[in-house]
Amino acid sequence: MSIIAAYNEAWDNGDVDALAKIIHDDCVFNPHVGGITMSKSDILGFAGGDSTPQSENNRILFENDEVGVAHSIVHFANDSDSEAVMSFMRFKDGQIILMETGATPLSDDYKLVGTE
């Protein structure tokens, strides 16, 4: 199974133990909102919480041993609008060591949560 497919399956199932095996200890996640950087523990905490975003139409656009690019529709539990999310990942030792996302809001009246 590809790294991205394993990540998507673990995320969709809320399987934090499986995610912990897929995400490198030195992982850095730069999400498309908030200008923040998250660590492995931040990602696992986010994935294991009550407000875990849900995705659909997960597609792997490209993946090899070094990098991967994926796209999905993501629905957030915090009442923000759904987004089309593009993810870029770098791999090290068969795990995700870097992830960055970019997103397109799926509504005309989109407002980034926390900017009002």
Protein backbone atom coordinates (compact mmCIF):
# COMPACT_ATOMS: atom_id res chain seq x y z
CA MET A 1 0.00 0.00 0.00
CA SER A 2 1.26 3.47 -0.83
CA ILE A 3 2.22 5.85 1.99
CA ILE A 4 -0.54 8.28 1.03
CA ALA A 5 -3.17 5.53 0.82
CA ALA A 6 -2.10 4.24 4.25
CA TYR A 7 -2.25 7.78 5.66
CA ASN A 8 -5.72 8.40 4.20
CA GLU A 9 -7.03 5.08 5.53
CA ALA A 10 -5.64 5.69 9.02
CA TRP A 11 -6.97 9.27 9.06
CA ASP A 12 -10.44 8.24 7.86
CA ASN A 13 -10.59 5.51 10.52
CA GLY A 14 -9.26 7.77 13.29
CA ASP A 15 -6.47 5.24 13.82
CA VAL A 16 -3.89 7.33 15.69
CA ASP A 17 -1.62 4.31 16.25
CA ALA A 18 -1.43 3.66 12.50
CA LEU A 19 -0.83 7.37 11.84
CA ALA A 20 2.00 7.36 14.36
CA LYS A 21 3.72 4.68 12.27
CA ILE A 22 3.23 6.61 9.02
CA ILE A 23 4.32 10.03 10.27
CA HIS A 24 8.05 10.50 10.86
CA ASP A 25 9.11 11.68 14.34
CA ASP A 26 10.67 14.79 12.76
CA CYS A 27 7.63 15.57 10.60
CA VAL A 28 6.78 19.20 9.90
CA PHE A 29 3.28 20.08 8.70
CA ASN A 30 2.66 23.54 7.23
CA PRO A 31 -1.12 23.83 6.76
CA HIS A 32 -2.66 26.37 4.43
CA VAL A 33 -4.25 28.41 7.23
CA GLY A 34 -3.06 30.28 10.26
CA GLY A 35 0.64 30.61 9.40
CA ILE A 36 1.48 27.83 11.84
CA THR A 37 3.73 24.81 11.75
CA MET A 38 2.65 21.55 13.33
CA SER A 39 4.71 18.63 14.62
CA LYS A 40 3.93 14.92 14.68
CA SER A 41 2.34 15.22 18.13
CA ASP A 42 0.18 18.13 16.92
CA ILE A 43 -1.03 16.09 13.94
CA LEU A 44 -1.80 13.06 16.09
CA GLY A 45 -3.68 15.23 18.60
CA PHE A 46 -5.68 16.79 15.80
CA ALA A 47 -6.46 13.41 14.26
CA GLY A 48 -7.54 11.90 17.55
CA GLY A 49 -9.83 14.73 18.60
CA ASP A 50 -13.54 15.37 18.30
CA SER A 51 -13.10 17.94 15.54
CA THR A 52 -11.12 15.83 13.09
CA PRO A 53 -11.76 16.99 9.52
CA GLN A 54 -13.34 14.40 7.25
CA SER A 55 -12.26 13.93 3.65
CA GLU A 56 -13.83 12.47 0.54
CA ASN A 57 -12.80 11.91 -3.06
CA ASN A 58 -9.21 11.22 -1.96
CA ARG A 59 -6.95 11.03 -5.00
CA ILE A 60 -3.26 10.33 -5.25
CA LEU A 61 -2.00 12.47 -8.11
CA PHE A 62 1.63 11.39 -7.87
CA GLU A 63 3.71 9.28 -5.51
CA ASN A 64 7.18 7.78 -5.54
CA ASP A 65 9.67 6.92 -2.77
CA GLU A 66 10.57 10.58 -2.21
CA VAL A 67 7.42 12.69 -2.67
CA GLY A 68 3.67 12.54 -3.06
CA VAL A 69 0.87 14.83 -4.18
CA ALA A 70 -2.74 14.24 -3.19
CA HIS A 71 -6.09 15.99 -3.54
CA SER A 72 -9.33 15.65 -1.57
CA ILE A 73 -12.46 17.47 -0.49
CA VAL A 74 -12.23 18.24 3.22
CA HIS A 75 -15.12 19.01 5.56
CA PHE A 76 -14.30 20.70 8.86
CA ALA A 77 -16.10 20.20 12.17
CA ASN A 78 -15.64 23.85 13.21
CA ASP A 79 -18.35 25.10 10.83
CA SER A 80 -15.91 26.54 8.31
CA ASP A 81 -16.64 25.88 4.67
CA SER A 82 -15.46 22.75 2.94
CA GLU A 83 -12.32 23.05 0.85
CA ALA A 84 -10.63 21.33 -2.04
CA VAL A 85 -7.22 20.56 -0.53
CA MET A 86 -3.98 19.82 -2.36
CA SER A 87 -1.27 18.17 -0.25
CA PHE A 88 2.43 17.89 -1.01
CA MET A 89 4.45 15.39 1.02
CA ARG A 90 8.09 14.44 1.32
CA PHE A 91 8.98 10.95 2.52
CA LYS A 92 11.91 9.66 4.55
CA ASP A 93 12.38 6.04 5.55
CA GLY A 94 8.90 5.21 4.25
CA GLN A 95 7.22 7.84 6.42
CA ILE A 96 5.88 11.37 5.90
CA ILE A 97 8.50 13.89 7.05
CA LEU A 98 7.01 17.03 5.48
CA MET A 99 3.47 17.96 4.51
CA GLU A 100 2.19 21.22 3.09
CA THR A 101 -1.32 22.01 1.95
CA GLY A 102 -3.03 24.53 -0.27
CA ALA A 103 -6.78 24.88 -0.52
CA THR A 104 -9.63 26.35 -2.51
CA PRO A 105 -12.82 27.22 -0.62
CA LEU A 106 -15.95 25.60 -2.03
CA SER A 107 -18.39 28.45 -1.33
CA ASP A 108 -18.66 31.98 -2.71
CA ASP A 109 -19.06 33.55 0.74
CA TYR A 110 -16.10 31.75 2.33
CA LYS A 111 -14.60 33.33 5.43
CA LEU A 112 -11.53 31.87 7.08
CA VAL A 113 -12.46 30.84 10.63
CA GLY A 114 -10.92 33.27 13.11
CA THR A 115 -10.55 36.21 10.72
CA GLU A 116 -13.84 37.96 11.50
